[in-house]
Amino acid sequence: MKKKVHFLTEAVFAVMLFAVLSCGGGGGDGGDSPNLLGGGITYAIGGTGPGGGKIFYYDVSGFTVGTVGDGVYNGGTYHYLEAAPADVSGTVRWATIYWHAGTETGIGTGYANTAKVLGGNPDAPASKACKNYPGSKNDWFLPSKGELNLMYQYKATIGNFTTDVYWSSSEDNPGTEYALGQSFNDGTTTLYNKEG
């Protein structure tokens, strides 16, 4: 007899990207995605970022985020990833309807993924929870599979994680009803039904 899985483990953790000494990062909307070009500010892994969370990734070359004119990241070059200070409370589904958003898995794609998901399903619980994450910054998003895996690797440095499965903003192959989640107990990535 098959066991029915009850996903009490669909937890969400928000991520924010920001630029430090970038060569092309946009200023964002009212400074909410900081471009600290020329500010001389650097962050260490585990340090506190501008959103009050922990820095868990640094890329000296930078990575491109968003598209020109998106209103937040504007296709700019960013260097850091910051995890939100705390989990979004409760458990949430990935989507409220089934459709394929066309997401990606790489580092730097979580913001665009979140926008794509909300573009097709404005009430998608996991993406919406991250987009509406409280605090002084308003550019939080649901991490891509690659970004979420980095969070797992630095979970002790970031802190505040449970051993649950956390949603990524990355879907399985086109045309399927699954999105990718990662266990923060053992790091296993698994497919879960988007509508939970």
N, C-alpha and C. Protein backbone atom coordinates (compact mmCIF):
# COMPACT_ATOMS: atom_id res chain seq x y z
N MET A 1 0.84 -1.18 0.00
CA MET A 1 0.00 0.00 0.00
C MET A 1 0.88 1.24 0.00
N LYS A 2 0.60 2.16 -0.90
CA LYS A 2 1.38 3.39 -0.96
C LYS A 2 0.98 4.32 0.18
N LYS A 3 1.96 4.99 0.70
CA LYS A 3 1.69 6.00 1.72
C LYS A 3 1.34 7.31 1.04
N LYS A 4 0.39 7.99 1.57
CA LYS A 4 0.09 9.32 1.07
C LYS A 4 1.00 10.29 1.81
N VAL A 5 1.70 11.11 1.04
CA VAL A 5 2.62 12.06 1.66
C VAL A 5 1.87 13.35 1.95
N HIS A 6 1.94 13.77 3.16
CA HIS A 6 1.33 15.04 3.55
C HIS A 6 2.45 16.05 3.68
N PHE A 7 2.47 17.04 2.81
CA PHE A 7 3.60 17.97 2.76
C PHE A 7 3.49 19.06 3.80
N LEU A 8 3.84 18.67 5.01
CA LEU A 8 3.98 19.68 6.05
C LEU A 8 5.36 20.30 5.97
N THR A 9 6.07 19.95 4.91
CA THR A 9 7.47 20.36 4.81
C THR A 9 7.72 21.33 3.67
N GLU A 10 6.68 21.93 3.13
CA GLU A 10 6.88 22.85 2.01
C GLU A 10 7.21 24.24 2.53
N ALA A 11 8.35 24.35 3.14
CA ALA A 11 8.75 25.61 3.75
C ALA A 11 9.34 26.55 2.70
N VAL A 12 9.40 27.79 3.04
CA VAL A 12 9.88 28.82 2.12
C VAL A 12 10.94 29.65 2.80
N PHE A 13 11.98 29.96 2.10
CA PHE A 13 12.99 30.89 2.60
C PHE A 13 13.26 31.90 1.51
N ALA A 14 13.19 33.14 1.81
CA ALA A 14 13.38 34.18 0.80
C ALA A 14 14.85 34.51 0.63
N VAL A 15 15.18 34.98 -0.55
CA VAL A 15 16.55 35.38 -0.88
C VAL A 15 16.51 36.77 -1.47
N MET A 16 17.55 37.51 -1.26
CA MET A 16 17.69 38.80 -1.92
C MET A 16 19.06 38.86 -2.55
N LEU A 17 19.15 39.41 -3.74
CA LEU A 17 20.41 39.65 -4.42
C LEU A 17 20.77 41.11 -4.27
N PHE A 18 22.04 41.40 -4.18
CA PHE A 18 22.41 42.80 -4.21
C PHE A 18 23.82 42.97 -4.73
N ALA A 19 24.11 44.17 -5.20
CA ALA A 19 25.38 44.44 -5.86
C ALA A 19 26.30 45.19 -4.93
N VAL A 20 27.54 44.84 -4.98
CA VAL A 20 28.59 45.59 -4.29
C VAL A 20 29.73 45.77 -5.27
N LEU A 21 30.12 46.98 -5.49
CA LEU A 21 31.17 47.28 -6.45
C LEU A 21 30.87 46.66 -7.81
N SER A 22 29.62 46.73 -8.21
CA SER A 22 29.25 46.11 -9.47
C SER A 22 29.54 47.06 -10.62
N CYS A 23 29.60 46.47 -11.80
CA CYS A 23 29.88 47.25 -12.99
C CYS A 23 28.63 47.58 -13.78
N GLY A 24 27.48 47.14 -13.33
CA GLY A 24 26.29 47.41 -14.11
C GLY A 24 25.01 47.22 -13.34
N GLY A 25 25.07 47.10 -12.03
CA GLY A 25 23.87 46.88 -11.25
C GLY A 25 22.98 48.10 -11.23
N GLY A 26 21.68 47.88 -11.39
CA GLY A 26 20.73 48.98 -11.33
C GLY A 26 20.51 49.42 -9.90
N GLY A 27 20.00 50.62 -9.75
CA GLY A 27 19.73 51.15 -8.42
C GLY A 27 18.49 50.56 -7.80
N GLY A 28 17.68 49.88 -8.57
CA GLY A 28 16.47 49.28 -8.02
C GLY A 28 15.39 50.31 -7.82
N ASP A 29 14.33 49.89 -7.16
CA ASP A 29 13.21 50.79 -6.94
C ASP A 29 13.38 51.48 -5.59
N GLY A 30 13.82 52.70 -5.63
CA GLY A 30 14.00 53.45 -4.39
C GLY A 30 15.12 52.93 -3.52
N GLY A 31 16.10 52.28 -4.12
CA GLY A 31 17.23 51.80 -3.34
C GLY A 31 17.00 50.47 -2.67
N ASP A 32 15.92 49.79 -3.01
CA ASP A 32 15.64 48.53 -2.35
C ASP A 32 16.48 47.36 -2.85
N SER A 33 17.10 47.50 -4.01
CA SER A 33 18.11 46.53 -4.41
C SER A 33 19.40 47.33 -4.55
N PRO A 34 20.14 47.40 -3.46
CA PRO A 34 21.23 48.36 -3.37
C PRO A 34 22.32 48.16 -4.41
N ASN A 35 22.71 49.23 -5.04
CA ASN A 35 23.89 49.25 -5.87
C ASN A 35 24.90 50.09 -5.09
N LEU A 36 25.86 49.42 -4.49
CA LEU A 36 26.79 50.12 -3.62
C LEU A 36 28.07 50.47 -4.36
N LEU A 37 27.96 50.67 -5.66
CA LEU A 37 29.12 50.99 -6.49
C LEU A 37 29.87 52.19 -5.91
N GLY A 38 31.14 51.97 -5.65
CA GLY A 38 31.97 53.05 -5.15
C GLY A 38 31.84 53.26 -3.65
N GLY A 39 30.98 52.49 -3.01
CA GLY A 39 30.77 52.66 -1.57
C GLY A 39 31.84 52.01 -0.73
N GLY A 40 32.63 51.14 -1.34
CA GLY A 40 33.70 50.48 -0.59
C GLY A 40 33.19 49.49 0.43
N ILE A 41 31.94 49.08 0.34
CA ILE A 41 31.38 48.16 1.31
C ILE A 41 31.53 46.74 0.79
N THR A 42 32.08 45.88 1.60
CA THR A 42 32.18 44.47 1.25
C THR A 42 31.56 43.64 2.37
N TYR A 43 31.15 42.43 2.03
CA TYR A 43 30.51 41.54 2.99
C TYR A 43 31.23 40.20 2.99
N ALA A 44 31.27 39.57 4.14
CA ALA A 44 31.83 38.24 4.25
C ALA A 44 30.70 37.23 4.31
N ILE A 45 30.97 36.01 3.87
CA ILE A 45 29.99 34.94 4.03
C ILE A 45 29.65 34.83 5.51
N GLY A 46 28.38 34.84 5.81
CA GLY A 46 27.93 34.80 7.21
C GLY A 46 27.70 36.17 7.79
N GLY A 47 28.14 37.23 7.09
CA GLY A 47 27.90 38.59 7.56
C GLY A 47 26.44 38.98 7.35
N THR A 48 26.04 40.04 8.00
CA THR A 48 24.68 40.54 7.86
C THR A 48 24.59 41.45 6.65
N GLY A 49 23.61 41.19 5.79
CA GLY A 49 23.41 41.97 4.58
C GLY A 49 22.48 43.14 4.80
N PRO A 50 22.20 43.91 3.76
CA PRO A 50 21.38 45.11 3.89
C PRO A 50 19.92 44.82 4.23
N GLY A 51 19.47 43.58 4.01
CA GLY A 51 18.09 43.22 4.36
C GLY A 51 17.99 42.62 5.75
N GLY A 52 19.11 42.57 6.48
CA GLY A 52 19.10 42.02 7.84
C GLY A 52 19.31 40.52 7.89
N GLY A 53 19.48 39.87 6.72
CA GLY A 53 19.73 38.43 6.69
C GLY A 53 21.22 38.13 6.60
N LYS A 54 21.54 36.89 6.25
CA LYS A 54 22.93 36.45 6.18
C LYS A 54 23.40 36.29 4.74
N ILE A 55 24.62 36.75 4.49
CA ILE A 55 25.25 36.58 3.18
C ILE A 55 25.70 35.13 3.08
N PHE A 56 25.32 34.44 1.97
CA PHE A 56 25.74 33.05 1.83
C PHE A 56 26.41 32.78 0.49
N TYR A 57 26.59 33.81 -0.34
CA TYR A 57 27.24 33.60 -1.63
C TYR A 57 27.89 34.88 -2.10
N TYR A 58 29.09 34.73 -2.65
CA TYR A 58 29.80 35.86 -3.24
C TYR A 58 30.45 35.39 -4.53
N ASP A 59 30.30 36.17 -5.58
CA ASP A 59 30.92 35.88 -6.87
C ASP A 59 31.64 37.14 -7.32
N VAL A 60 32.97 37.10 -7.33
CA VAL A 60 33.75 38.29 -7.66
C VAL A 60 33.45 38.79 -9.07
N SER A 61 33.15 37.89 -10.00
CA SER A 61 32.84 38.29 -11.38
C SER A 61 31.43 38.82 -11.51
N GLY A 62 30.56 38.39 -10.63
CA GLY A 62 29.17 38.81 -10.67
C GLY A 62 28.33 37.95 -11.58
N PHE A 63 27.03 38.11 -11.46
CA PHE A 63 26.08 37.37 -12.27
C PHE A 63 24.94 38.31 -12.63
N THR A 64 24.34 38.08 -13.79
CA THR A 64 23.29 38.96 -14.30
C THR A 64 21.95 38.53 -13.73
N VAL A 65 21.15 39.51 -13.37
CA VAL A 65 19.85 39.23 -12.78
C VAL A 65 18.79 40.09 -13.45
N GLY A 66 17.66 39.46 -13.76
CA GLY A 66 16.54 40.20 -14.32
C GLY A 66 16.78 40.63 -15.75
N THR A 67 15.90 41.48 -16.23
CA THR A 67 16.00 42.02 -17.58
C THR A 67 15.91 43.54 -17.52
N VAL A 68 16.46 44.19 -18.51
CA VAL A 68 16.43 45.65 -18.55
C VAL A 68 14.99 46.12 -18.50
N GLY A 69 14.72 47.05 -17.61
CA GLY A 69 13.37 47.60 -17.49
C GLY A 69 12.44 46.82 -16.60
N ASP A 70 12.97 45.82 -15.86
CA ASP A 70 12.08 45.05 -15.00
C ASP A 70 11.68 45.79 -13.73
N GLY A 71 12.28 46.94 -13.50
CA GLY A 71 11.87 47.76 -12.37
C GLY A 71 12.60 47.49 -11.08
N VAL A 72 13.34 46.39 -11.00
CA VAL A 72 14.07 46.09 -9.77
C VAL A 72 15.54 45.82 -10.08
N TYR A 73 15.84 44.72 -10.75
CA TYR A 73 17.23 44.37 -11.00
C TYR A 73 17.74 44.84 -12.36
N ASN A 74 16.85 45.08 -13.29
CA ASN A 74 17.19 45.74 -14.55
C ASN A 74 18.34 45.11 -15.34
N GLY A 75 18.51 43.80 -15.23
CA GLY A 75 19.58 43.14 -15.99
C GLY A 75 20.96 43.48 -15.48
N GLY A 76 21.04 43.93 -14.25
CA GLY A 76 22.32 44.36 -13.69
C GLY A 76 23.21 43.21 -13.26
N THR A 77 24.47 43.55 -12.95
CA THR A 77 25.43 42.57 -12.45
C THR A 77 25.47 42.66 -10.93
N TYR A 78 25.30 41.50 -10.30
CA TYR A 78 25.26 41.43 -8.84
C TYR A 78 26.28 40.43 -8.34
N HIS A 79 26.68 40.59 -7.09
CA HIS A 79 27.78 39.80 -6.56
C HIS A 79 27.44 38.97 -5.33
N TYR A 80 26.38 39.30 -4.64
CA TYR A 80 26.06 38.64 -3.38
C TYR A 80 24.66 38.06 -3.38
N LEU A 81 24.47 37.01 -2.57
CA LEU A 81 23.15 36.48 -2.26
C LEU A 81 22.96 36.57 -0.75
N GLU A 82 21.81 37.04 -0.35
CA GLU A 82 21.48 37.18 1.07
C GLU A 82 20.21 36.39 1.36
N ALA A 83 20.24 35.61 2.42
CA ALA A 83 19.05 34.87 2.86
C ALA A 83 18.27 35.75 3.82
N ALA A 84 16.96 35.69 3.72
CA ALA A 84 16.11 36.46 4.62
C ALA A 84 16.38 36.07 6.07
N PRO A 85 16.11 36.98 7.00
CA PRO A 85 16.43 36.71 8.41
C PRO A 85 15.70 35.52 9.01
N ALA A 86 14.52 35.17 8.49
CA ALA A 86 13.76 34.06 9.06
C ALA A 86 12.87 33.43 8.00
N ASP A 87 12.46 32.20 8.28
CA ASP A 87 11.51 31.50 7.41
C ASP A 87 10.20 32.26 7.31
N VAL A 88 9.51 32.03 6.20
CA VAL A 88 8.11 32.43 6.11
C VAL A 88 7.35 31.41 6.94
N SER A 89 6.49 31.86 7.82
CA SER A 89 5.83 30.94 8.74
C SER A 89 4.80 30.08 8.02
N GLY A 90 4.59 28.89 8.53
CA GLY A 90 3.59 27.99 8.00
C GLY A 90 4.10 27.22 6.80
N THR A 91 3.20 26.45 6.19
CA THR A 91 3.54 25.68 5.01
C THR A 91 2.69 26.17 3.85
N VAL A 92 3.27 26.17 2.68
CA VAL A 92 2.58 26.72 1.51
C VAL A 92 2.76 25.83 0.30
N ARG A 93 1.83 25.94 -0.63
CA ARG A 93 1.96 25.25 -1.91
C ARG A 93 2.81 26.09 -2.85
N TRP A 94 3.31 25.47 -3.92
CA TRP A 94 4.10 26.18 -4.92
C TRP A 94 3.20 27.01 -5.80
N ALA A 95 2.02 26.47 -6.15
CA ALA A 95 1.09 27.15 -7.04
C ALA A 95 -0.34 26.80 -6.66
N THR A 96 -1.27 27.58 -7.16
CA THR A 96 -2.68 27.28 -6.93
C THR A 96 -3.33 26.73 -8.19
N ILE A 97 -2.61 26.79 -9.30
CA ILE A 97 -3.09 26.21 -10.56
C ILE A 97 -1.93 25.49 -11.22
N TYR A 98 -2.22 24.62 -12.16
CA TYR A 98 -1.16 23.94 -12.88
C TYR A 98 -0.92 24.60 -14.23
N TRP A 99 0.30 25.00 -14.45
CA TRP A 99 0.76 25.49 -15.75
C TRP A 99 2.27 25.51 -15.68
N HIS A 100 2.92 25.73 -16.81
CA HIS A 100 4.38 25.73 -16.83
C HIS A 100 4.88 27.16 -17.01
N ALA A 101 5.64 27.62 -16.06
CA ALA A 101 6.11 29.01 -16.08
C ALA A 101 7.38 29.19 -16.90
N GLY A 102 8.14 28.12 -17.13
CA GLY A 102 9.40 28.25 -17.89
C GLY A 102 10.54 28.74 -17.05
N THR A 103 10.72 28.17 -15.87
CA THR A 103 11.75 28.60 -14.95
C THR A 103 13.10 27.95 -15.25
N GLU A 104 14.14 28.47 -14.58
CA GLU A 104 15.50 27.96 -14.73
C GLU A 104 16.02 27.52 -13.37
N THR A 105 17.22 26.94 -13.35
CA THR A 105 17.75 26.39 -12.10
C THR A 105 19.02 27.08 -11.60
N GLY A 106 19.67 27.89 -12.41
CA GLY A 106 20.98 28.42 -12.08
C GLY A 106 20.99 29.54 -11.06
N ILE A 107 22.18 29.86 -10.60
CA ILE A 107 22.37 30.99 -9.69
C ILE A 107 22.10 32.27 -10.44
N GLY A 108 21.29 33.12 -9.86
CA GLY A 108 20.91 34.37 -10.50
C GLY A 108 19.56 34.30 -11.20
N THR A 109 18.91 33.11 -11.18
CA THR A 109 17.64 32.98 -11.89
C THR A 109 16.41 33.00 -10.98
N GLY A 110 16.61 32.99 -9.68
CA GLY A 110 15.48 32.94 -8.75
C GLY A 110 14.55 34.13 -8.86
N TYR A 111 15.10 35.31 -9.04
CA TYR A 111 14.26 36.50 -9.16
C TYR A 111 13.37 36.42 -10.39
N ALA A 112 13.97 36.08 -11.55
CA ALA A 112 13.19 35.96 -12.78
C ALA A 112 12.18 34.82 -12.67
N ASN A 113 12.58 33.70 -12.05
CA ASN A 113 11.65 32.59 -11.85
C ASN A 113 10.43 33.04 -11.07
N THR A 114 10.66 33.75 -9.98
CA THR A 114 9.57 34.20 -9.12
C THR A 114 8.62 35.10 -9.90
N ALA A 115 9.19 35.99 -10.71
CA ALA A 115 8.36 36.88 -11.53
C ALA A 115 7.55 36.09 -12.55
N LYS A 116 8.16 35.07 -13.16
CA LYS A 116 7.45 34.24 -14.14
C LYS A 116 6.29 33.49 -13.48
N VAL A 117 6.56 32.93 -12.31
CA VAL A 117 5.52 32.18 -11.60
C VAL A 117 4.35 33.10 -11.28
N LEU A 118 4.64 34.27 -10.73
CA LEU A 118 3.58 35.20 -10.35
C LEU A 118 2.89 35.80 -11.57
N GLY A 119 3.58 35.84 -12.72
CA GLY A 119 2.97 36.32 -13.94
C GLY A 119 1.85 35.40 -14.43
N GLY A 120 2.00 34.10 -14.20
CA GLY A 120 0.98 33.15 -14.62
C GLY A 120 0.03 32.75 -13.52
N ASN A 121 0.46 32.93 -12.27
CA ASN A 121 -0.36 32.55 -11.12
C ASN A 121 -0.11 33.58 -10.02
N PRO A 122 -0.77 34.75 -10.09
CA PRO A 122 -0.52 35.83 -9.15
C PRO A 122 -0.67 35.46 -7.67
N ASP A 123 -1.39 34.38 -7.41
CA ASP A 123 -1.58 33.94 -6.03
C ASP A 123 -0.74 32.73 -5.67
N ALA A 124 0.29 32.42 -6.48
CA ALA A 124 1.16 31.28 -6.17
C ALA A 124 1.75 31.47 -4.78
N PRO A 125 1.38 30.62 -3.82
CA PRO A 125 1.70 30.89 -2.41
C PRO A 125 3.18 31.06 -2.08
N ALA A 126 4.06 30.17 -2.57
CA ALA A 126 5.47 30.25 -2.19
C ALA A 126 6.13 31.50 -2.75
N SER A 127 5.92 31.78 -4.03
CA SER A 127 6.52 32.97 -4.64
C SER A 127 5.93 34.25 -4.05
N LYS A 128 4.63 34.25 -3.83
CA LYS A 128 3.97 35.43 -3.27
C LYS A 128 4.46 35.71 -1.85
N ALA A 129 4.67 34.65 -1.07
CA ALA A 129 5.15 34.82 0.30
C ALA A 129 6.52 35.48 0.32
N CYS A 130 7.38 35.09 -0.63
CA CYS A 130 8.71 35.71 -0.68
C CYS A 130 8.64 37.14 -1.18
N LYS A 131 7.86 37.36 -2.22
CA LYS A 131 7.73 38.72 -2.77
C LYS A 131 7.20 39.68 -1.71
N ASN A 132 6.31 39.19 -0.84
CA ASN A 132 5.72 40.03 0.20
C ASN A 132 6.43 39.92 1.54
N TYR A 133 7.65 39.36 1.54
CA TYR A 133 8.38 39.19 2.79
C TYR A 133 8.52 40.54 3.51
N PRO A 134 8.19 40.58 4.79
CA PRO A 134 8.20 41.87 5.49
C PRO A 134 9.62 42.39 5.74
N GLY A 135 9.70 43.67 5.99
CA GLY A 135 10.99 44.27 6.30
C GLY A 135 11.23 45.51 5.48
N SER A 136 12.43 46.04 5.59
CA SER A 136 12.75 47.31 4.93
C SER A 136 13.08 47.15 3.45
N LYS A 137 13.31 45.94 2.99
CA LYS A 137 13.62 45.68 1.59
C LYS A 137 12.44 44.98 0.94
N ASN A 138 12.22 45.26 -0.34
CA ASN A 138 11.07 44.64 -0.99
C ASN A 138 11.43 43.87 -2.25
N ASP A 139 12.67 43.39 -2.33
CA ASP A 139 13.07 42.63 -3.51
C ASP A 139 13.46 41.19 -3.17
N TRP A 140 12.78 40.62 -2.19
CA TRP A 140 13.00 39.21 -1.85
C TRP A 140 12.31 38.33 -2.88
N PHE A 141 12.83 37.12 -3.06
CA PHE A 141 12.24 36.20 -4.04
C PHE A 141 12.49 34.76 -3.61
N LEU A 142 11.78 33.83 -4.25
CA LEU A 142 11.95 32.41 -3.99
C LEU A 142 13.19 31.93 -4.73
N PRO A 143 14.15 31.30 -4.04
CA PRO A 143 15.41 30.94 -4.69
C PRO A 143 15.25 29.85 -5.75
N SER A 144 16.11 29.91 -6.75
CA SER A 144 16.17 28.85 -7.76
C SER A 144 16.76 27.60 -7.11
N LYS A 145 16.73 26.50 -7.84
CA LYS A 145 17.32 25.26 -7.32
C LYS A 145 18.78 25.46 -6.96
N GLY A 146 19.55 26.12 -7.83
CA GLY A 146 20.96 26.35 -7.55
C GLY A 146 21.18 27.24 -6.34
N GLU A 147 20.36 28.27 -6.20
CA GLU A 147 20.47 29.18 -5.06
C GLU A 147 20.06 28.48 -3.76
N LEU A 148 19.01 27.67 -3.84
CA LEU A 148 18.56 26.94 -2.65
C LEU A 148 19.62 25.94 -2.20
N ASN A 149 20.28 25.30 -3.15
CA ASN A 149 21.34 24.36 -2.79
C ASN A 149 22.50 25.07 -2.09
N LEU A 150 22.81 26.28 -2.52
CA LEU A 150 23.83 27.06 -1.81
C LEU A 150 23.39 27.35 -0.39
N MET A 151 22.11 27.65 -0.21
CA MET A 151 21.59 27.90 1.13
C MET A 151 21.73 26.65 2.00
N TYR A 152 21.48 25.50 1.40
CA TYR A 152 21.65 24.24 2.14
C TYR A 152 23.11 24.08 2.55
N GLN A 153 24.03 24.34 1.63
CA GLN A 153 25.45 24.19 1.94
C GLN A 153 25.89 25.10 3.08
N TYR A 154 25.26 26.27 3.18
CA TYR A 154 25.62 27.24 4.21
C TYR A 154 24.54 27.37 5.28
N LYS A 155 23.76 26.30 5.48
CA LYS A 155 22.64 26.40 6.42
C LYS A 155 23.09 26.68 7.85
N ALA A 156 24.24 26.18 8.25
CA ALA A 156 24.72 26.44 9.60
C ALA A 156 25.15 27.90 9.75
N THR A 157 25.71 28.45 8.69
CA THR A 157 26.13 29.86 8.70
C THR A 157 24.93 30.79 8.70
N ILE A 158 23.91 30.45 7.89
CA ILE A 158 22.71 31.28 7.80
C ILE A 158 21.87 31.16 9.05
N GLY A 159 21.68 29.92 9.52
CA GLY A 159 20.86 29.67 10.71
C GLY A 159 19.37 29.75 10.42
N ASN A 160 18.56 29.44 11.41
CA ASN A 160 17.09 29.55 11.38
C ASN A 160 16.41 28.57 10.44
N PHE A 161 17.08 27.53 9.98
CA PHE A 161 16.44 26.53 9.14
C PHE A 161 15.88 25.39 9.99
N THR A 162 14.87 24.72 9.45
CA THR A 162 14.40 23.47 10.03
C THR A 162 14.97 22.35 9.17
N THR A 163 14.60 21.12 9.46
CA THR A 163 15.05 20.00 8.64
C THR A 163 14.00 19.64 7.59
N ASP A 164 13.08 20.54 7.33
CA ASP A 164 12.01 20.32 6.37
C ASP A 164 12.51 20.40 4.93
N VAL A 165 11.58 20.21 4.01
CA VAL A 165 11.85 20.43 2.59
C VAL A 165 11.46 21.87 2.27
N TYR A 166 12.34 22.57 1.57
CA TYR A 166 12.09 23.95 1.17
C TYR A 166 11.85 24.00 -0.33
N TRP A 167 10.89 24.80 -0.75
CA TRP A 167 10.62 24.98 -2.17
C TRP A 167 11.73 25.77 -2.84
N SER A 168 12.01 25.43 -4.08
CA SER A 168 12.78 26.32 -4.95
C SER A 168 11.78 26.93 -5.92
N SER A 169 12.21 27.91 -6.69
CA SER A 169 11.35 28.51 -7.71
C SER A 169 11.50 27.78 -9.04
N SER A 170 12.26 26.69 -9.06
CA SER A 170 12.55 25.95 -10.29
C SER A 170 11.59 24.79 -10.48
N GLU A 171 11.09 24.69 -11.71
CA GLU A 171 10.21 23.59 -12.06
C GLU A 171 11.01 22.40 -12.57
N ASP A 172 10.32 21.27 -12.68
CA ASP A 172 10.87 20.12 -13.35
C ASP A 172 10.80 20.41 -14.85
N ASN A 173 11.01 19.43 -15.68
CA ASN A 173 10.98 19.61 -17.13
C ASN A 173 9.67 20.23 -17.61
N PRO A 174 9.72 20.93 -18.74
CA PRO A 174 8.50 21.55 -19.28
C PRO A 174 7.35 20.55 -19.42
N GLY A 175 6.18 21.00 -19.08
CA GLY A 175 5.00 20.19 -19.26
C GLY A 175 4.65 19.28 -18.09
N THR A 176 5.43 19.31 -17.04
CA THR A 176 5.10 18.47 -15.88
C THR A 176 4.46 19.31 -14.79
N GLU A 177 3.84 18.64 -13.86
CA GLU A 177 3.17 19.34 -12.77
C GLU A 177 4.03 19.44 -11.52
N TYR A 178 5.35 19.29 -11.69
CA TYR A 178 6.22 19.24 -10.52
C TYR A 178 7.19 20.42 -10.45
N ALA A 179 7.51 20.78 -9.23
CA ALA A 179 8.56 21.77 -8.95
C ALA A 179 9.57 21.10 -8.02
N LEU A 180 10.75 21.69 -7.89
CA LEU A 180 11.83 21.10 -7.12
C LEU A 180 11.89 21.64 -5.70
N GLY A 181 12.00 20.72 -4.76
CA GLY A 181 12.20 21.09 -3.37
C GLY A 181 13.45 20.40 -2.85
N GLN A 182 14.03 20.93 -1.79
CA GLN A 182 15.25 20.33 -1.25
C GLN A 182 15.10 20.12 0.25
N SER A 183 15.46 18.92 0.69
CA SER A 183 15.43 18.60 2.11
C SER A 183 16.60 19.29 2.81
N PHE A 184 16.33 19.97 3.89
CA PHE A 184 17.41 20.57 4.67
C PHE A 184 17.83 19.65 5.80
N ASN A 185 17.39 18.39 5.70
CA ASN A 185 17.87 17.35 6.59
C ASN A 185 19.10 16.67 5.97
N ASP A 186 18.94 16.23 4.69
CA ASP A 186 20.04 15.51 4.05
C ASP A 186 20.45 16.06 2.69
N GLY A 187 19.82 17.16 2.24
CA GLY A 187 20.20 17.79 0.99
C GLY A 187 19.58 17.19 -0.25
N THR A 188 18.73 16.19 -0.10
CA THR A 188 18.11 15.54 -1.24
C THR A 188 17.16 16.49 -1.97
N THR A 189 17.28 16.54 -3.30
CA THR A 189 16.36 17.31 -4.13
C THR A 189 15.30 16.37 -4.67
N THR A 190 14.04 16.75 -4.52
CA THR A 190 12.92 15.89 -4.91
C THR A 190 11.89 16.69 -5.67
N LEU A 191 11.14 16.01 -6.52
CA LEU A 191 10.02 16.63 -7.24
C LEU A 191 8.77 16.57 -6.38
N TYR A 192 8.06 17.69 -6.31
CA TYR A 192 6.81 17.75 -5.58
C TYR A 192 5.74 18.37 -6.48
N ASN A 193 4.53 17.90 -6.32
CA ASN A 193 3.42 18.43 -7.09
C ASN A 193 3.25 19.91 -6.79
N LYS A 194 3.16 20.73 -7.82
CA LYS A 194 3.07 22.18 -7.64
C LYS A 194 1.86 22.58 -6.79
N GLU A 195 0.77 21.86 -6.96
CA GLU A 195 -0.43 22.22 -6.23
C GLU A 195 -0.53 21.53 -4.87
N GLY A 196 0.52 20.78 -4.52
CA GLY A 196 0.66 20.16 -3.21
C GLY A 196 -0.47 19.26 -2.81
